[in-house]
Amino acid sequence: AASSTVEICLGDVVIRAGADVGQGHLARII
């Protein structure tokens, strides 16, 4: 997207991840 950051909302927690975060690492965070 125009921004290089994505926001993922899980309940009352918001995870912001940059474009450089790998899929596996993001899955572990979630």
Full PDB file with SEQRES, HELIX, SHEET, SSBOND, CRYST1, ORIGX, SCALE, CONECT and MASTER records, all heavy atoms in Angstrom:
SEQRES   1 A   30  ALA ALA SER SER THR VAL GLU ILE CYS LEU GLY ASP VAL          
SEQRES   2 A   30  VAL ILE ARG ALA GLY ALA ASP VAL GLY GLN GLY HIS LEU          
SEQRES   3 A   30  ALA ARG ILE ILE                                              
HELIX    1 AA1 GLN A   23  ILE A   29  1                                   7    
SHEET    1 AA1 2 THR A   5  LEU A  10  0                                        
SHEET    2 AA1 2 VAL A  13  GLY A  18 -1                                        
CRYST1    1.000    1.000    1.000  90.00  90.00  90.00 P 1           1          
ORIGX1      1.000000  0.000000  0.000000        0.00000                         
ORIGX2      0.000000  1.000000  0.000000        0.00000                         
ORIGX3      0.000000  0.000000  1.000000        0.00000                         
SCALE1      1.000000  0.000000  0.000000        0.00000                         
SCALE2      0.000000  1.000000  0.000000        0.00000                         
SCALE3      0.000000  0.000000  1.000000        0.00000                         
ATOM      1  N   ALA A   1       0.849  -1.183   0.000  1.00  0.00           N  
ATOM      2  CA  ALA A   1       0.000   0.000   0.000  1.00  0.00           C  
ATOM      3  C   ALA A   1       0.887   1.237   0.000  1.00  0.00           C  
ATOM      4  O   ALA A   1       2.113   1.143  -0.018  1.00  0.00           O  
ATOM      5  CB  ALA A   1      -0.900  -0.012   1.236  1.00  0.00           C  
ATOM      6  N   ALA A   2       0.256   2.377   0.059  1.00  0.00           N  
ATOM      7  CA  ALA A   2       1.009   3.630   0.079  1.00  0.00           C  
ATOM      8  C   ALA A   2       1.939   3.676   1.290  1.00  0.00           C  
ATOM      9  O   ALA A   2       3.019   4.219   1.235  1.00  0.00           O  
ATOM     10  CB  ALA A   2       0.050   4.816   0.088  1.00  0.00           C  
ATOM     11  N   SER A   3       1.495   3.073   2.387  1.00  0.00           N  
ATOM     12  CA  SER A   3       2.303   3.038   3.600  1.00  0.00           C  
ATOM     13  C   SER A   3       3.090   1.735   3.621  1.00  0.00           C  
ATOM     14  O   SER A   3       2.644   0.717   3.112  1.00  0.00           O  
ATOM     15  CB  SER A   3       1.391   3.109   4.826  1.00  0.00           C  
ATOM     16  OG  SER A   3       2.121   2.841   5.985  1.00  0.00           O  
ATOM     17  N   SER A   4       4.258   1.755   4.207  1.00  0.00           N  
ATOM     18  CA  SER A   4       5.042   0.530   4.295  1.00  0.00           C  
ATOM     19  C   SER A   4       4.789  -0.183   5.623  1.00  0.00           C  
ATOM     20  O   SER A   4       5.528  -1.056   6.007  1.00  0.00           O  
ATOM     21  CB  SER A   4       6.529   0.850   4.143  1.00  0.00           C  
ATOM     22  OG  SER A   4       6.941   1.706   5.194  1.00  0.00           O  
ATOM     23  N   THR A   5       3.740   0.214   6.336  1.00  0.00           N  
ATOM     24  CA  THR A   5       3.380  -0.402   7.599  1.00  0.00           C  
ATOM     25  C   THR A   5       1.960  -0.942   7.504  1.00  0.00           C  
ATOM     26  O   THR A   5       1.091  -0.309   6.931  1.00  0.00           O  
ATOM     27  CB  THR A   5       3.447   0.627   8.756  1.00  0.00           C  
ATOM     28  OG1 THR A   5       4.756   1.186   8.787  1.00  0.00           O  
ATOM     29  CG2 THR A   5       3.153  -0.028  10.079  1.00  0.00           C  
ATOM     30  N   VAL A   6       1.755  -2.126   8.089  1.00  0.00           N  
ATOM     31  CA  VAL A   6       0.433  -2.718   8.120  1.00  0.00           C  
ATOM     32  C   VAL A   6       0.004  -2.808   9.583  1.00  0.00           C  
ATOM     33  O   VAL A   6       0.827  -3.026  10.460  1.00  0.00           O  
ATOM     34  CB  VAL A   6       0.410  -4.105   7.432  1.00  0.00           C  
ATOM     35  CG1 VAL A   6       1.269  -5.101   8.162  1.00  0.00           C  
ATOM     36  CG2 VAL A   6      -0.999  -4.627   7.290  1.00  0.00           C  
ATOM     37  N   GLU A   7      -1.275  -2.608   9.822  1.00  0.00           N  
ATOM     38  CA  GLU A   7      -1.811  -2.727  11.173  1.00  0.00           C  
ATOM     39  C   GLU A   7      -2.742  -3.921  11.226  1.00  0.00           C  
ATOM     40  O   GLU A   7      -3.607  -4.093  10.370  1.00  0.00           O  
ATOM     41  CB  GLU A   7      -2.582  -1.469  11.578  1.00  0.00           C  
ATOM     42  CG  GLU A   7      -1.707  -0.288  11.848  1.00  0.00           C  
ATOM     43  CD  GLU A   7      -2.490   0.900  12.432  1.00  0.00           C  
ATOM     44  OE1 GLU A   7      -3.716   0.776  12.636  1.00  0.00           O  
ATOM     45  OE2 GLU A   7      -1.862   1.934  12.666  1.00  0.00           O  
ATOM     46  N   ILE A   8      -2.560  -4.754  12.250  1.00  0.00           N  
ATOM     47  CA  ILE A   8      -3.404  -5.920  12.451  1.00  0.00           C  
ATOM     48  C   ILE A   8      -4.040  -5.766  13.821  1.00  0.00           C  
ATOM     49  O   ILE A   8      -3.347  -5.628  14.820  1.00  0.00           O  
ATOM     50  CB  ILE A   8      -2.585  -7.227  12.382  1.00  0.00           C  
ATOM     51  CG1 ILE A   8      -1.891  -7.337  11.022  1.00  0.00           C  
ATOM     52  CG2 ILE A   8      -3.469  -8.435  12.654  1.00  0.00           C  
ATOM     53  CD1 ILE A   8      -0.875  -8.452  10.936  1.00  0.00           C  
ATOM     54  N   CYS A   9      -5.374  -5.793  13.875  1.00  0.00           N  
ATOM     55  CA  CYS A   9      -6.099  -5.639  15.135  1.00  0.00           C  
ATOM     56  C   CYS A   9      -6.571  -7.005  15.603  1.00  0.00           C  
ATOM     57  O   CYS A   9      -7.298  -7.698  14.897  1.00  0.00           O  
ATOM     58  CB  CYS A   9      -7.295  -4.709  14.961  1.00  0.00           C  
ATOM     59  SG  CYS A   9      -6.823  -3.046  14.465  1.00  0.00           S  
ATOM     60  N   LEU A  10      -6.140  -7.400  16.798  1.00  0.00           N  
ATOM     61  CA  LEU A  10      -6.569  -8.644  17.425  1.00  0.00           C  
ATOM     62  C   LEU A  10      -7.187  -8.276  18.768  1.00  0.00           C  
ATOM     63  O   LEU A  10      -6.482  -8.065  19.745  1.00  0.00           O  
ATOM     64  CB  LEU A  10      -5.396  -9.596  17.649  1.00  0.00           C  
ATOM     65  CG  LEU A  10      -4.699 -10.125  16.401  1.00  0.00           C  
ATOM     66  CD1 LEU A  10      -3.472 -10.926  16.771  1.00  0.00           C  
ATOM     67  CD2 LEU A  10      -5.653 -10.988  15.600  1.00  0.00           C  
ATOM     68  N   GLY A  11      -8.493  -8.153  18.801  1.00  0.00           N  
ATOM     69  CA  GLY A  11      -9.151  -7.724  20.032  1.00  0.00           C  
ATOM     70  C   GLY A  11      -8.774  -6.288  20.332  1.00  0.00           C  
ATOM     71  O   GLY A  11      -8.928  -5.405  19.499  1.00  0.00           O  
ATOM     72  N   ASP A  12      -8.216  -6.081  21.513  1.00  0.00           N  
ATOM     73  CA  ASP A  12      -7.807  -4.724  21.879  1.00  0.00           C  
ATOM     74  C   ASP A  12      -6.323  -4.485  21.642  1.00  0.00           C  
ATOM     75  O   ASP A  12      -5.757  -3.502  22.094  1.00  0.00           O  
ATOM     76  CB  ASP A  12      -8.169  -4.443  23.349  1.00  0.00           C  
ATOM     77  CG  ASP A  12      -7.508  -5.416  24.307  1.00  0.00           C  
ATOM     78  OD1 ASP A  12      -7.036  -6.473  23.841  1.00  0.00           O  
ATOM     79  OD2 ASP A  12      -7.455  -5.118  25.514  1.00  0.00           O  
ATOM     80  N   VAL A  13      -5.670  -5.390  20.912  1.00  0.00           N  
ATOM     81  CA  VAL A  13      -4.238  -5.259  20.605  1.00  0.00           C  
ATOM     82  C   VAL A  13      -4.072  -4.896  19.135  1.00  0.00           C  
ATOM     83  O   VAL A  13      -4.712  -5.470  18.266  1.00  0.00           O  
ATOM     84  CB  VAL A  13      -3.493  -6.581  20.897  1.00  0.00           C  
ATOM     85  CG1 VAL A  13      -2.036  -6.482  20.500  1.00  0.00           C  
ATOM     86  CG2 VAL A  13      -3.628  -6.963  22.353  1.00  0.00           C  
ATOM     87  N   VAL A  14      -3.206  -3.927  18.883  1.00  0.00           N  
ATOM     88  CA  VAL A  14      -2.899  -3.535  17.516  1.00  0.00           C  
ATOM     89  C   VAL A  14      -1.437  -3.866  17.253  1.00  0.00           C  
ATOM     90  O   VAL A  14      -0.553  -3.449  17.994  1.00  0.00           O  
ATOM     91  CB  VAL A  14      -3.142  -2.021  17.292  1.00  0.00           C  
ATOM     92  CG1 VAL A  14      -2.729  -1.629  15.882  1.00  0.00           C  
ATOM     93  CG2 VAL A  14      -4.593  -1.671  17.554  1.00  0.00           C  
ATOM     94  N   ILE A  15      -1.197  -4.622  16.205  1.00  0.00           N  
ATOM     95  CA  ILE A  15       0.164  -4.979  15.815  1.00  0.00           C  
ATOM     96  C   ILE A  15       0.505  -4.177  14.569  1.00  0.00           C  
ATOM     97  O   ILE A  15      -0.221  -4.232  13.573  1.00  0.00           O  
ATOM     98  CB  ILE A  15       0.280  -6.490  15.502  1.00  0.00           C  
ATOM     99  CG1 ILE A  15      -0.119  -7.312  16.715  1.00  0.00           C  
ATOM    100  CG2 ILE A  15       1.684  -6.833  15.044  1.00  0.00           C  
ATOM    101  CD1 ILE A  15      -0.250  -8.794  16.426  1.00  0.00           C  
ATOM    102  N   ARG A  16       1.584  -3.439  14.630  1.00  0.00           N  
ATOM    103  CA  ARG A  16       2.063  -2.684  13.470  1.00  0.00           C  
ATOM    104  C   ARG A  16       3.354  -3.334  12.991  1.00  0.00           C  
ATOM    105  O   ARG A  16       4.296  -3.472  13.765  1.00  0.00           O  
ATOM    106  CB  ARG A  16       2.305  -1.230  13.848  1.00  0.00           C  
ATOM    107  CG  ARG A  16       1.031  -0.475  14.136  1.00  0.00           C  
ATOM    108  CD  ARG A  16       1.306   1.007  14.449  1.00  0.00           C  
ATOM    109  NE  ARG A  16       0.081   1.677  14.818  1.00  0.00           N  
ATOM    110  CZ  ARG A  16      -0.400   1.740  16.062  1.00  0.00           C  
ATOM    111  NH1 ARG A  16       0.252   1.174  17.044  1.00  0.00           N  
ATOM    112  NH2 ARG A  16      -1.529   2.367  16.319  1.00  0.00           N  
ATOM    113  N   ALA A  17       3.353  -3.709  11.736  1.00  0.00           N  
ATOM    114  CA  ALA A  17       4.526  -4.388  11.182  1.00  0.00           C  
ATOM    115  C   ALA A  17       4.955  -3.702   9.902  1.00  0.00           C  
ATOM    116  O   ALA A  17       4.135  -3.369   9.056  1.00  0.00           O  
ATOM    117  CB  ALA A  17       4.196  -5.849  10.906  1.00  0.00           C  
ATOM    118  N   GLY A  18       6.244  -3.525   9.786  1.00  0.00           N  
ATOM    119  CA  GLY A  18       6.807  -2.935   8.580  1.00  0.00           C  
ATOM    120  C   GLY A  18       6.885  -3.942   7.453  1.00  0.00           C  
ATOM    121  O   GLY A  18       6.736  -5.153   7.662  1.00  0.00           O  
ATOM    122  N   ALA A  19       7.115  -3.459   6.260  1.00  0.00           N  
ATOM    123  CA  ALA A  19       7.170  -4.315   5.079  1.00  0.00           C  
ATOM    124  C   ALA A  19       8.336  -5.297   5.135  1.00  0.00           C  
ATOM    125  O   ALA A  19       8.320  -6.323   4.463  1.00  0.00           O  
ATOM    126  CB  ALA A  19       7.283  -3.448   3.816  1.00  0.00           C  
ATOM    127  N   ASP A  20       9.322  -4.992   5.950  1.00  0.00           N  
ATOM    128  CA  ASP A  20      10.498  -5.860   6.040  1.00  0.00           C  
ATOM    129  C   ASP A  20      10.317  -7.031   7.009  1.00  0.00           C  
ATOM    130  O   ASP A  20      11.188  -7.874   7.132  1.00  0.00           O  
ATOM    131  CB  ASP A  20      11.721  -5.048   6.452  1.00  0.00           C  
ATOM    132  CG  ASP A  20      11.532  -4.354   7.802  1.00  0.00           C  
ATOM    133  OD1 ASP A  20      10.385  -4.113   8.184  1.00  0.00           O  
ATOM    134  OD2 ASP A  20      12.548  -4.057   8.456  1.00  0.00           O  
ATOM    135  N   VAL A  21       9.174  -7.139   7.690  1.00  0.00           N  
ATOM    136  CA  VAL A  21       8.924  -8.239   8.627  1.00  0.00           C  
ATOM    137  C   VAL A  21       8.485  -9.459   7.828  1.00  0.00           C  
ATOM    138  O   VAL A  21       7.538  -9.399   7.051  1.00  0.00           O  
ATOM    139  CB  VAL A  21       7.838  -7.851   9.668  1.00  0.00           C  
ATOM    140  CG1 VAL A  21       7.523  -9.039  10.570  1.00  0.00           C  
ATOM    141  CG2 VAL A  21       8.293  -6.666  10.481  1.00  0.00           C  
ATOM    142  N   GLY A  22       9.178 -10.565   8.031  1.00  0.00           N  
ATOM    143  CA  GLY A  22       8.885 -11.792   7.291  1.00  0.00           C  
ATOM    144  C   GLY A  22       7.594 -12.452   7.746  1.00  0.00           C  
ATOM    145  O   GLY A  22       7.125 -12.247   8.864  1.00  0.00           O  
ATOM    146  N   GLN A  23       7.026 -13.256   6.870  1.00  0.00           N  
ATOM    147  CA  GLN A  23       5.760 -13.934   7.134  1.00  0.00           C  
ATOM    148  C   GLN A  23       5.863 -14.835   8.362  1.00  0.00           C  
ATOM    149  O   GLN A  23       4.977 -14.836   9.214  1.00  0.00           O  
ATOM    150  CB  GLN A  23       5.381 -14.757   5.909  1.00  0.00           C  
ATOM    151  CG  GLN A  23       4.126 -15.579   6.064  1.00  0.00           C  
ATOM    152  CD  GLN A  23       3.797 -16.340   4.795  1.00  0.00           C  
ATOM    153  OE1 GLN A  23       4.165 -15.945   3.714  1.00  0.00           O  
ATOM    154  NE2 GLN A  23       3.103 -17.447   4.936  1.00  0.00           N  
ATOM    155  N   GLY A  24       6.935 -15.601   8.470  1.00  0.00           N  
ATOM    156  CA  GLY A  24       7.112 -16.503   9.608  1.00  0.00           C  
ATOM    157  C   GLY A  24       7.211 -15.753  10.922  1.00  0.00           C  
ATOM    158  O   GLY A  24       6.619 -16.153  11.932  1.00  0.00           O  
ATOM    159  N   HIS A  25       7.957 -14.665  10.921  1.00  0.00           N  
ATOM    160  CA  HIS A  25       8.115 -13.864  12.142  1.00  0.00           C  
ATOM    161  C   HIS A  25       6.785 -13.239  12.548  1.00  0.00           C  
ATOM    162  O   HIS A  25       6.412 -13.242  13.721  1.00  0.00           O  
ATOM    163  CB  HIS A  25       9.183 -12.788  11.931  1.00  0.00           C  
ATOM    164  CG  HIS A  25       9.529 -12.016  13.162  1.00  0.00           C  
ATOM    165  ND1 HIS A  25      10.154 -12.602  14.240  1.00  0.00           N  
ATOM    166  CD2 HIS A  25       9.306 -10.735  13.497  1.00  0.00           C  
ATOM    167  CE1 HIS A  25      10.299 -11.692  15.189  1.00  0.00           C  
ATOM    168  NE2 HIS A  25       9.801 -10.550  14.760  1.00  0.00           N  
ATOM    169  N   LEU A  26       6.050 -12.737  11.578  1.00  0.00           N  
ATOM    170  CA  LEU A  26       4.754 -12.127  11.857  1.00  0.00           C  
ATOM    171  C   LEU A  26       3.776 -13.178  12.414  1.00  0.00           C  
ATOM    172  O   LEU A  26       3.023 -12.903  13.350  1.00  0.00           O  
ATOM    173  CB  LEU A  26       4.181 -11.480  10.591  1.00  0.00           C  
ATOM    174  CG  LEU A  26       2.888 -10.680  10.764  1.00  0.00           C  
ATOM    175  CD1 LEU A  26       3.053  -9.594  11.823  1.00  0.00           C  
ATOM    176  CD2 LEU A  26       2.478 -10.058   9.434  1.00  0.00           C  
ATOM    177  N   ALA A  27       3.823 -14.387  11.883  1.00  0.00           N  
ATOM    178  CA  ALA A  27       2.956 -15.462  12.384  1.00  0.00           C  
ATOM    179  C   ALA A  27       3.279 -15.769  13.839  1.00  0.00           C  
ATOM    180  O   ALA A  27       2.369 -15.970  14.661  1.00  0.00           O  
ATOM    181  CB  ALA A  27       3.107 -16.719  11.527  1.00  0.00           C  
ATOM    182  N   ARG A  28       4.574 -15.794  14.210  1.00  0.00           N  
ATOM    183  CA  ARG A  28       4.963 -16.048  15.598  1.00  0.00           C  
ATOM    184  C   ARG A  28       4.470 -14.935  16.520  1.00  0.00           C  
ATOM    185  O   ARG A  28       4.020 -15.186  17.637  1.00  0.00           O  
ATOM    186  CB  ARG A  28       6.477 -16.220  15.698  1.00  0.00           C  
ATOM    187  CG  ARG A  28       6.966 -17.551  15.158  1.00  0.00           C  
ATOM    188  CD  ARG A  28       8.429 -17.790  15.466  1.00  0.00           C  
ATOM    189  NE  ARG A  28       9.314 -16.829  14.838  1.00  0.00           N  
ATOM    190  CZ  ARG A  28       9.812 -16.919  13.603  1.00  0.00           C  
ATOM    191  NH1 ARG A  28       9.469 -17.952  12.858  1.00  0.00           N  
ATOM    192  NH2 ARG A  28      10.610 -16.004  13.123  1.00  0.00           N  
ATOM    193  N   ILE A  29       4.541 -13.688  16.053  1.00  0.00           N  
ATOM    194  CA  ILE A  29       4.064 -12.557  16.844  1.00  0.00           C  
ATOM    195  C   ILE A  29       2.563 -12.686  17.084  1.00  0.00           C  
ATOM    196  O   ILE A  29       2.068 -12.506  18.212  1.00  0.00           O  
ATOM    197  CB  ILE A  29       4.401 -11.214  16.152  1.00  0.00           C  
ATOM    198  CG1 ILE A  29       5.899 -10.986  16.145  1.00  0.00           C  
ATOM    199  CG2 ILE A  29       3.668 -10.051  16.829  1.00  0.00           C  
ATOM    200  CD1 ILE A  29       6.349  -9.829  15.259  1.00  0.00           C  
ATOM    201  N   ILE A  30       1.809 -13.000  16.031  1.00  0.00           N  
ATOM    202  CA  ILE A  30       0.349 -13.121  16.158  1.00  0.00           C  
ATOM    203  C   ILE A  30       0.005 -14.254  17.119  1.00  0.00           C  
ATOM    204  O   ILE A  30      -0.873 -14.111  17.982  1.00  0.00           O  
ATOM    205  CB  ILE A  30      -0.306 -13.327  14.779  1.00  0.00           C  
ATOM    206  CG1 ILE A  30      -0.150 -12.047  13.937  1.00  0.00           C  
ATOM    207  CG2 ILE A  30      -1.768 -13.720  14.912  1.00  0.00           C  
ATOM    208  CD1 ILE A  30      -0.541 -12.210  12.494  1.00  0.00           C  
TER     209      ILE A  30                                                      
MASTER        0    0    0    1    2    0    0    6  208    1    0    3          
END                                                                             
